[in-house]
Amino acid sequence: EFSTARGAAMQWAAGITVMLLDHELFATLTPK
C-alpha cells in the first residue's frame, strides 16, 4: 500500500515502518 518503484515500505511491527526511498525521492522531503 505504501510502496512504489522509488520507495519501499518495510514494516517491522504494527505501527513501525522503515521507508526505503531512492535519493531523488528522499530529497523531496528535506532541503538539507
PDB file of all heavy atoms in Angstrom:
ATOM      1  N   GLU A   1       0.821  -1.211   0.000  1.00  0.00           N
ATOM      2  CA  GLU A   1       0.000   0.000   0.000  1.00  0.00           C
ATOM      3  C   GLU A   1       0.860   1.268   0.000  1.00  0.00           C
ATOM      4  O   GLU A   1       0.475   2.284  -0.574  1.00  0.00           O
ATOM      5  CB  GLU A   1      -0.935  -0.009   1.215  1.00  0.00           C
ATOM      6  CG  GLU A   1      -1.872   1.172   1.282  1.00  0.00           C
ATOM      7  CD  GLU A   1      -2.800   1.151   2.488  1.00  0.00           C
ATOM      8  OE1 GLU A   1      -2.658   0.264   3.352  1.00  0.00           O
ATOM      9  OE2 GLU A   1      -3.665   2.029   2.563  1.00  0.00           O
ATOM     10  N   PHE A   2       2.005   1.223   0.642  1.00  0.00           N
ATOM     11  CA  PHE A   2       2.876   2.390   0.751  1.00  0.00           C
ATOM     12  C   PHE A   2       4.156   2.250  -0.081  1.00  0.00           C
ATOM     13  O   PHE A   2       5.105   2.997   0.135  1.00  0.00           O
ATOM     14  CB  PHE A   2       3.245   2.649   2.217  1.00  0.00           C
ATOM     15  CG  PHE A   2       2.102   3.151   3.045  1.00  0.00           C
ATOM     16  CD1 PHE A   2       1.387   2.286   3.848  1.00  0.00           C
ATOM     17  CD2 PHE A   2       1.728   4.482   3.017  1.00  0.00           C
ATOM     18  CE1 PHE A   2       0.324   2.732   4.621  1.00  0.00           C
ATOM     19  CE2 PHE A   2       0.668   4.951   3.784  1.00  0.00           C
ATOM     20  CZ  PHE A   2      -0.035   4.065   4.587  1.00  0.00           C
ATOM     21  N   SER A   3       4.210   1.321  -1.010  1.00  0.00           N
ATOM     22  CA  SER A   3       5.424   1.066  -1.787  1.00  0.00           C
ATOM     23  C   SER A   3       5.238   1.408  -3.263  1.00  0.00           C
ATOM     24  O   SER A   3       4.148   1.258  -3.809  1.00  0.00           O
ATOM     25  CB  SER A   3       5.839  -0.406  -1.663  1.00  0.00           C
ATOM     26  OG  SER A   3       6.169  -0.724  -0.330  1.00  0.00           O
ATOM     27  N   THR A   4       6.327   1.857  -3.870  1.00  0.00           N
ATOM     28  CA  THR A   4       6.389   2.108  -5.316  1.00  0.00           C
ATOM     29  C   THR A   4       7.761   1.652  -5.785  1.00  0.00           C
ATOM     30  O   THR A   4       8.571   1.164  -4.985  1.00  0.00           O
ATOM     31  CB  THR A   4       6.225   3.608  -5.640  1.00  0.00           C
ATOM     32  OG1 THR A   4       7.378   4.323  -5.164  1.00  0.00           O
ATOM     33  CG2 THR A   4       4.968   4.200  -5.016  1.00  0.00           C
ATOM     34  N   ALA A   5       8.062   1.860  -7.037  1.00  0.00           N
ATOM     35  CA  ALA A   5       9.392   1.528  -7.546  1.00  0.00           C
ATOM     36  C   ALA A   5      10.464   2.431  -6.933  1.00  0.00           C
ATOM     37  O   ALA A   5      11.625   2.051  -6.848  1.00  0.00           O
ATOM     38  CB  ALA A   5       9.420   1.643  -9.066  1.00  0.00           C
ATOM     39  N   ARG A   6      10.083   3.609  -6.459  1.00  0.00           N
ATOM     40  CA  ARG A   6      11.041   4.574  -5.909  1.00  0.00           C
ATOM     41  C   ARG A   6      11.141   4.530  -4.391  1.00  0.00           C
ATOM     42  O   ARG A   6      11.988   5.197  -3.798  1.00  0.00           O
ATOM     43  CB  ARG A   6      10.667   5.980  -6.360  1.00  0.00           C
ATOM     44  CG  ARG A   6      10.760   6.091  -7.881  1.00  0.00           C
ATOM     45  CD  ARG A   6      10.534   7.474  -8.377  1.00  0.00           C
ATOM     46  NE  ARG A   6      11.421   8.400  -7.714  1.00  0.00           N
ATOM     47  CZ  ARG A   6      11.121   9.688  -7.543  1.00  0.00           C
ATOM     48  NH1 ARG A   6       9.973  10.168  -7.956  1.00  0.00           N
ATOM     49  NH2 ARG A   6      11.970  10.493  -6.941  1.00  0.00           N
ATOM     50  N   GLY A   7      10.256   3.748  -3.768  1.00  0.00           N
ATOM     51  CA  GLY A   7      10.277   3.647  -2.312  1.00  0.00           C
ATOM     52  C   GLY A   7       9.568   2.397  -1.845  1.00  0.00           C
ATOM     53  O   GLY A   7       8.514   2.046  -2.366  1.00  0.00           O
ATOM     54  N   ALA A   8      10.172   1.730  -0.885  1.00  0.00           N
ATOM     55  CA  ALA A   8       9.575   0.512  -0.326  1.00  0.00           C
ATOM     56  C   ALA A   8       9.270   0.733   1.144  1.00  0.00           C
ATOM     57  O   ALA A   8      10.138   1.177   1.904  1.00  0.00           O
ATOM     58  CB  ALA A   8      10.523  -0.673  -0.495  1.00  0.00           C
ATOM     59  N   ALA A   9       8.043   0.426   1.522  1.00  0.00           N
ATOM     60  CA  ALA A   9       7.628   0.498   2.920  1.00  0.00           C
ATOM     61  C   ALA A   9       7.833  -0.885   3.526  1.00  0.00           C
ATOM     62  O   ALA A   9       7.179  -1.843   3.140  1.00  0.00           O
ATOM     63  CB  ALA A   9       6.164   0.912   3.022  1.00  0.00           C
ATOM     64  N   MET A  10       8.758  -0.989   4.468  1.00  0.00           N
ATOM     65  CA  MET A  10       9.092  -2.266   5.094  1.00  0.00           C
ATOM     66  C   MET A  10       8.636  -2.208   6.548  1.00  0.00           C
ATOM     67  O   MET A  10       9.185  -1.452   7.351  1.00  0.00           O
ATOM     68  CB  MET A  10      10.588  -2.534   4.978  1.00  0.00           C
ATOM     69  CG  MET A  10      11.118  -2.504   3.546  1.00  0.00           C
ATOM     70  SD  MET A  10      10.369  -3.723   2.446  1.00  0.00           S
ATOM     71  CE  MET A  10      11.018  -5.238   3.148  1.00  0.00           C
ATOM     72  N   GLN A  11       7.628  -3.015   6.867  1.00  0.00           N
ATOM     73  CA  GLN A  11       7.030  -2.973   8.201  1.00  0.00           C
ATOM     74  C   GLN A  11       7.761  -3.903   9.158  1.00  0.00           C
ATOM     75  O   GLN A  11       7.952  -5.086   8.886  1.00  0.00           O
ATOM     76  CB  GLN A  11       5.558  -3.350   8.133  1.00  0.00           C
ATOM     77  CG  GLN A  11       4.839  -3.062   9.424  1.00  0.00           C
ATOM     78  CD  GLN A  11       3.326  -3.014   9.255  1.00  0.00           C
ATOM     79  OE1 GLN A  11       2.791  -3.322   8.209  1.00  0.00           O
ATOM     80  NE2 GLN A  11       2.653  -2.625  10.324  1.00  0.00           N
ATOM     81  N   TRP A  12       8.171  -3.327  10.299  1.00  0.00           N
ATOM     82  CA  TRP A  12       8.854  -4.083  11.345  1.00  0.00           C
ATOM     83  C   TRP A  12       7.840  -4.678  12.314  1.00  0.00           C
ATOM     84  O   TRP A  12       7.941  -5.821  12.717  1.00  0.00           O
ATOM     85  CB  TRP A  12       9.828  -3.151  12.079  1.00  0.00           C
ATOM     86  CG  TRP A  12      10.414  -3.715  13.322  1.00  0.00           C
ATOM     87  CD1 TRP A  12      10.154  -3.331  14.602  1.00  0.00           C
ATOM     88  CD2 TRP A  12      11.352  -4.790  13.426  1.00  0.00           C
ATOM     89  NE1 TRP A  12      10.878  -4.087  15.488  1.00  0.00           N
ATOM     90  CE2 TRP A  12      11.619  -4.989  14.786  1.00  0.00           C
ATOM     91  CE3 TRP A  12      11.990  -5.600  12.496  1.00  0.00           C
ATOM     92  CZ2 TRP A  12      12.497  -5.962  15.249  1.00  0.00           C
ATOM     93  CZ3 TRP A  12      12.862  -6.571  12.945  1.00  0.00           C
ATOM     94  CH2 TRP A  12      13.110  -6.742  14.307  1.00  0.00           C
ATOM     95  N   ALA A  13       6.869  -3.879  12.702  1.00  0.00           N
ATOM     96  CA  ALA A  13       5.821  -4.292  13.641  1.00  0.00           C
ATOM     97  C   ALA A  13       4.627  -3.374  13.411  1.00  0.00           C
ATOM     98  O   ALA A  13       4.733  -2.394  12.667  1.00  0.00           O
ATOM     99  CB  ALA A  13       6.325  -4.171  15.079  1.00  0.00           C
ATOM    100  N   ALA A  14       3.511  -3.675  14.034  1.00  0.00           N
ATOM    101  CA  ALA A  14       2.346  -2.804  13.900  1.00  0.00           C
ATOM    102  C   ALA A  14       2.739  -1.384  14.286  1.00  0.00           C
ATOM    103  O   ALA A  14       3.232  -1.149  15.384  1.00  0.00           O
ATOM    104  CB  ALA A  14       1.206  -3.303  14.772  1.00  0.00           C
ATOM    105  N   GLY A  15       2.577  -0.471  13.378  1.00  0.00           N
ATOM    106  CA  GLY A  15       2.877   0.926  13.660  1.00  0.00           C
ATOM    107  C   GLY A  15       4.318   1.336  13.454  1.00  0.00           C
ATOM    108  O   GLY A  15       4.649   2.499  13.669  1.00  0.00           O
ATOM    109  N   ILE A  16       5.204   0.434  13.044  1.00  0.00           N
ATOM    110  CA  ILE A  16       6.620   0.776  12.844  1.00  0.00           C
ATOM    111  C   ILE A  16       7.030   0.342  11.443  1.00  0.00           C
ATOM    112  O   ILE A  16       7.085  -0.849  11.141  1.00  0.00           O
ATOM    113  CB  ILE A  16       7.526   0.110  13.890  1.00  0.00           C
ATOM    114  CG1 ILE A  16       7.094   0.494  15.297  1.00  0.00           C
ATOM    115  CG2 ILE A  16       8.990   0.486  13.629  1.00  0.00           C
ATOM    116  CD1 ILE A  16       7.814  -0.269  16.394  1.00  0.00           C
ATOM    117  N   THR A  17       7.306   1.339  10.598  1.00  0.00           N
ATOM    118  CA  THR A  17       7.657   1.076   9.204  1.00  0.00           C
ATOM    119  C   THR A  17       8.924   1.831   8.834  1.00  0.00           C
ATOM    120  O   THR A  17       9.086   2.997   9.180  1.00  0.00           O
ATOM    121  CB  THR A  17       6.512   1.521   8.269  1.00  0.00           C
ATOM    122  OG1 THR A  17       5.313   0.825   8.638  1.00  0.00           O
ATOM    123  CG2 THR A  17       6.830   1.237   6.817  1.00  0.00           C
ATOM    124  N   VAL A  18       9.815   1.166   8.115  1.00  0.00           N
ATOM    125  CA  VAL A  18      11.007   1.802   7.566  1.00  0.00           C
ATOM    126  C   VAL A  18      10.731   2.056   6.091  1.00  0.00           C
ATOM    127  O   VAL A  18      10.429   1.126   5.341  1.00  0.00           O
ATOM    128  CB  VAL A  18      12.259   0.918   7.756  1.00  0.00           C
ATOM    129  CG1 VAL A  18      13.467   1.533   7.067  1.00  0.00           C
ATOM    130  CG2 VAL A  18      12.543   0.723   9.241  1.00  0.00           C
ATOM    131  N   MET A  19      10.806   3.317   5.697  1.00  0.00           N
ATOM    132  CA  MET A  19      10.605   3.711   4.308  1.00  0.00           C
ATOM    133  C   MET A  19      11.970   3.808   3.633  1.00  0.00           C
ATOM    134  O   MET A  19      12.813   4.603   4.042  1.00  0.00           O
ATOM    135  CB  MET A  19       9.890   5.064   4.224  1.00  0.00           C
ATOM    136  CG  MET A  19       8.499   5.089   4.831  1.00  0.00           C
ATOM    137  SD  MET A  19       7.306   4.049   3.968  1.00  0.00           S
ATOM    138  CE  MET A  19       7.250   4.803   2.365  1.00  0.00           C
ATOM    139  N   LEU A  20      12.177   2.985   2.630  1.00  0.00           N
ATOM    140  CA  LEU A  20      13.436   2.966   1.881  1.00  0.00           C
ATOM    141  C   LEU A  20      13.198   3.759   0.597  1.00  0.00           C
ATOM    142  O   LEU A  20      12.496   3.303  -0.300  1.00  0.00           O
ATOM    143  CB  LEU A  20      13.839   1.530   1.576  1.00  0.00           C
ATOM    144  CG  LEU A  20      13.906   0.606   2.799  1.00  0.00           C
ATOM    145  CD1 LEU A  20      14.070  -0.839   2.371  1.00  0.00           C
ATOM    146  CD2 LEU A  20      15.027   1.048   3.728  1.00  0.00           C
ATOM    147  N   LEU A  21      13.765   4.954   0.513  1.00  0.00           N
ATOM    148  CA  LEU A  21      13.476   5.872  -0.580  1.00  0.00           C
ATOM    149  C   LEU A  21      14.718   6.119  -1.426  1.00  0.00           C
ATOM    150  O   LEU A  21      15.805   6.354  -0.876  1.00  0.00           O
ATOM    151  CB  LEU A  21      12.975   7.205  -0.019  1.00  0.00           C
ATOM    152  CG  LEU A  21      11.807   7.127   0.969  1.00  0.00           C
ATOM    153  CD1 LEU A  21      11.519   8.492   1.554  1.00  0.00           C
ATOM    154  CD2 LEU A  21      10.584   6.522   0.313  1.00  0.00           C
ATOM    155  N   ASP A  22      14.549   6.116  -2.764  1.00  0.00           N
ATOM    156  CA  ASP A  22      15.702   6.457  -3.597  1.00  0.00           C
ATOM    157  C   ASP A  22      16.098   7.906  -3.280  1.00  0.00           C
ATOM    158  O   ASP A  22      15.312   8.685  -2.740  1.00  0.00           O
ATOM    159  CB  ASP A  22      15.445   6.189  -5.082  1.00  0.00           C
ATOM    160  CG  ASP A  22      14.439   7.113  -5.750  1.00  0.00           C
ATOM    161  OD1 ASP A  22      14.224   8.263  -5.296  1.00  0.00           O
ATOM    162  OD2 ASP A  22      13.860   6.679  -6.760  1.00  0.00           O
ATOM    163  N   HIS A  23      17.325   8.261  -3.581  1.00  0.00           N
ATOM    164  CA  HIS A  23      17.865   9.570  -3.186  1.00  0.00           C
ATOM    165  C   HIS A  23      17.032  10.723  -3.738  1.00  0.00           C
ATOM    166  O   HIS A  23      16.805  11.717  -3.037  1.00  0.00           O
ATOM    167  CB  HIS A  23      19.325   9.689  -3.611  1.00  0.00           C
ATOM    168  CG  HIS A  23      20.248   8.920  -2.727  1.00  0.00           C
ATOM    169  ND1 HIS A  23      21.261   9.504  -2.017  1.00  0.00           N
ATOM    170  CD2 HIS A  23      20.296   7.598  -2.432  1.00  0.00           C
ATOM    171  CE1 HIS A  23      21.903   8.579  -1.314  1.00  0.00           C
ATOM    172  NE2 HIS A  23      21.341   7.417  -1.555  1.00  0.00           N
ATOM    173  N   GLU A  24      16.563  10.608  -4.962  1.00  0.00           N
ATOM    174  CA  GLU A  24      15.766  11.679  -5.572  1.00  0.00           C
ATOM    175  C   GLU A  24      14.459  11.888  -4.815  1.00  0.00           C
ATOM    176  O   GLU A  24      14.070  13.017  -4.526  1.00  0.00           O
ATOM    177  CB  GLU A  24      15.493  11.341  -7.035  1.00  0.00           C
ATOM    178  CG  GLU A  24      14.788  12.450  -7.796  1.00  0.00           C
ATOM    179  CD  GLU A  24      14.595  12.087  -9.258  1.00  0.00           C
ATOM    180  OE1 GLU A  24      15.594  11.758  -9.923  1.00  0.00           O
ATOM    181  OE2 GLU A  24      13.429  12.131  -9.706  1.00  0.00           O
ATOM    182  N   LEU A  25      13.779  10.820  -4.474  1.00  0.00           N
ATOM    183  CA  LEU A  25      12.532  10.933  -3.721  1.00  0.00           C
ATOM    184  C   LEU A  25      12.798  11.431  -2.304  1.00  0.00           C
ATOM    185  O   LEU A  25      12.082  12.304  -1.798  1.00  0.00           O
ATOM    186  CB  LEU A  25      11.800   9.589  -3.684  1.00  0.00           C
ATOM    187  CG  LEU A  25      10.455   9.559  -2.954  1.00  0.00           C
ATOM    188  CD1 LEU A  25       9.482  10.590  -3.518  1.00  0.00           C
ATOM    189  CD2 LEU A  25       9.860   8.157  -3.015  1.00  0.00           C
ATOM    190  N   PHE A  26      13.840  10.918  -1.658  1.00  0.00           N
ATOM    191  CA  PHE A  26      14.175  11.359  -0.305  1.00  0.00           C
ATOM    192  C   PHE A  26      14.452  12.863  -0.293  1.00  0.00           C
ATOM    193  O   PHE A  26      14.043  13.569   0.636  1.00  0.00           O
ATOM    194  CB  PHE A  26      15.392  10.585   0.225  1.00  0.00           C
ATOM    195  CG  PHE A  26      15.681  10.850   1.673  1.00  0.00           C
ATOM    196  CD1 PHE A  26      15.098  10.084   2.672  1.00  0.00           C
ATOM    197  CD2 PHE A  26      16.541  11.875   2.053  1.00  0.00           C
ATOM    198  CE1 PHE A  26      15.355  10.335   4.018  1.00  0.00           C
ATOM    199  CE2 PHE A  26      16.807  12.134   3.388  1.00  0.00           C
ATOM    200  CZ  PHE A  26      16.213  11.361   4.369  1.00  0.00           C
ATOM    201  N   ALA A  27      15.121  13.364  -1.322  1.00  0.00           N
ATOM    202  CA  ALA A  27      15.474  14.787  -1.396  1.00  0.00           C
ATOM    203  C   ALA A  27      14.243  15.687  -1.440  1.00  0.00           C
ATOM    204  O   ALA A  27      14.335  16.865  -1.088  1.00  0.00           O
ATOM    205  CB  ALA A  27      16.364  15.040  -2.602  1.00  0.00           C
ATOM    206  N   THR A  28      13.082  15.161  -1.840  1.00  0.00           N
ATOM    207  CA  THR A  28      11.864  15.979  -1.848  1.00  0.00           C
ATOM    208  C   THR A  28      11.327  16.194  -0.436  1.00  0.00           C
ATOM    209  O   THR A  28      10.458  17.040  -0.237  1.00  0.00           O
ATOM    210  CB  THR A  28      10.756  15.349  -2.721  1.00  0.00           C
ATOM    211  OG1 THR A  28      10.298  14.137  -2.113  1.00  0.00           O
ATOM    212  CG2 THR A  28      11.230  15.097  -4.138  1.00  0.00           C
ATOM    213  N   LEU A  29      11.826  15.457   0.546  1.00  0.00           N
ATOM    214  CA  LEU A  29      11.345  15.558   1.927  1.00  0.00           C
ATOM    215  C   LEU A  29      12.102  16.581   2.760  1.00  0.00           C
ATOM    216  O   LEU A  29      11.663  16.937   3.852  1.00  0.00           O
ATOM    217  CB  LEU A  29      11.445  14.192   2.621  1.00  0.00           C
ATOM    218  CG  LEU A  29      10.681  13.045   1.967  1.00  0.00           C
ATOM    219  CD1 LEU A  29      10.931  11.745   2.726  1.00  0.00           C
ATOM    220  CD2 LEU A  29       9.199  13.355   1.885  1.00  0.00           C
ATOM    221  N   THR A  30      13.257  17.021   2.272  1.00  0.00           N
ATOM    222  CA  THR A  30      14.088  17.922   3.063  1.00  0.00           C
ATOM    223  C   THR A  30      14.940  18.812   2.158  1.00  0.00           C
ATOM    224  O   THR A  30      15.394  18.360   1.103  1.00  0.00           O
ATOM    225  CB  THR A  30      15.021  17.122   4.011  1.00  0.00           C
ATOM    226  OG1 THR A  30      15.837  18.041   4.755  1.00  0.00           O
ATOM    227  CG2 THR A  30      15.903  16.151   3.260  1.00  0.00           C
ATOM    228  N   PRO A  31      15.179  20.051   2.581  1.00  0.00           N
ATOM    229  CA  PRO A  31      16.083  20.904   1.807  1.00  0.00           C
ATOM    230  C   PRO A  31      17.558  20.646   2.154  1.00  0.00           C
ATOM    231  O   PRO A  31      18.450  21.168   1.496  1.00  0.00           O
ATOM    232  CB  PRO A  31      15.666  22.322   2.228  1.00  0.00           C
ATOM    233  CG  PRO A  31      15.162  22.145   3.630  1.00  0.00           C
ATOM    234  CD  PRO A  31      14.500  20.782   3.648  1.00  0.00           C
ATOM    235  N   LYS A  32      17.801  19.810   3.172  1.00  0.00           N
ATOM    236  CA  LYS A  32      19.169  19.549   3.615  1.00  0.00           C
ATOM    237  C   LYS A  32      19.873  18.558   2.691  1.00  0.00           C
ATOM    238  O   LYS A  32      19.232  17.722   2.052  1.00  0.00           O
ATOM    239  CB  LYS A  32      19.174  18.997   5.040  1.00  0.00           C
ATOM    240  CG  LYS A  32      18.691  19.975   6.074  1.00  0.00           C
ATOM    241  CD  LYS A  32      18.748  19.345   7.450  1.00  0.00           C
ATOM    242  CE  LYS A  32      18.283  20.306   8.518  1.00  0.00           C
ATOM    243  NZ  LYS A  32      18.370  19.690   9.852  1.00  0.00           N
TER     244      LYS A  32
END
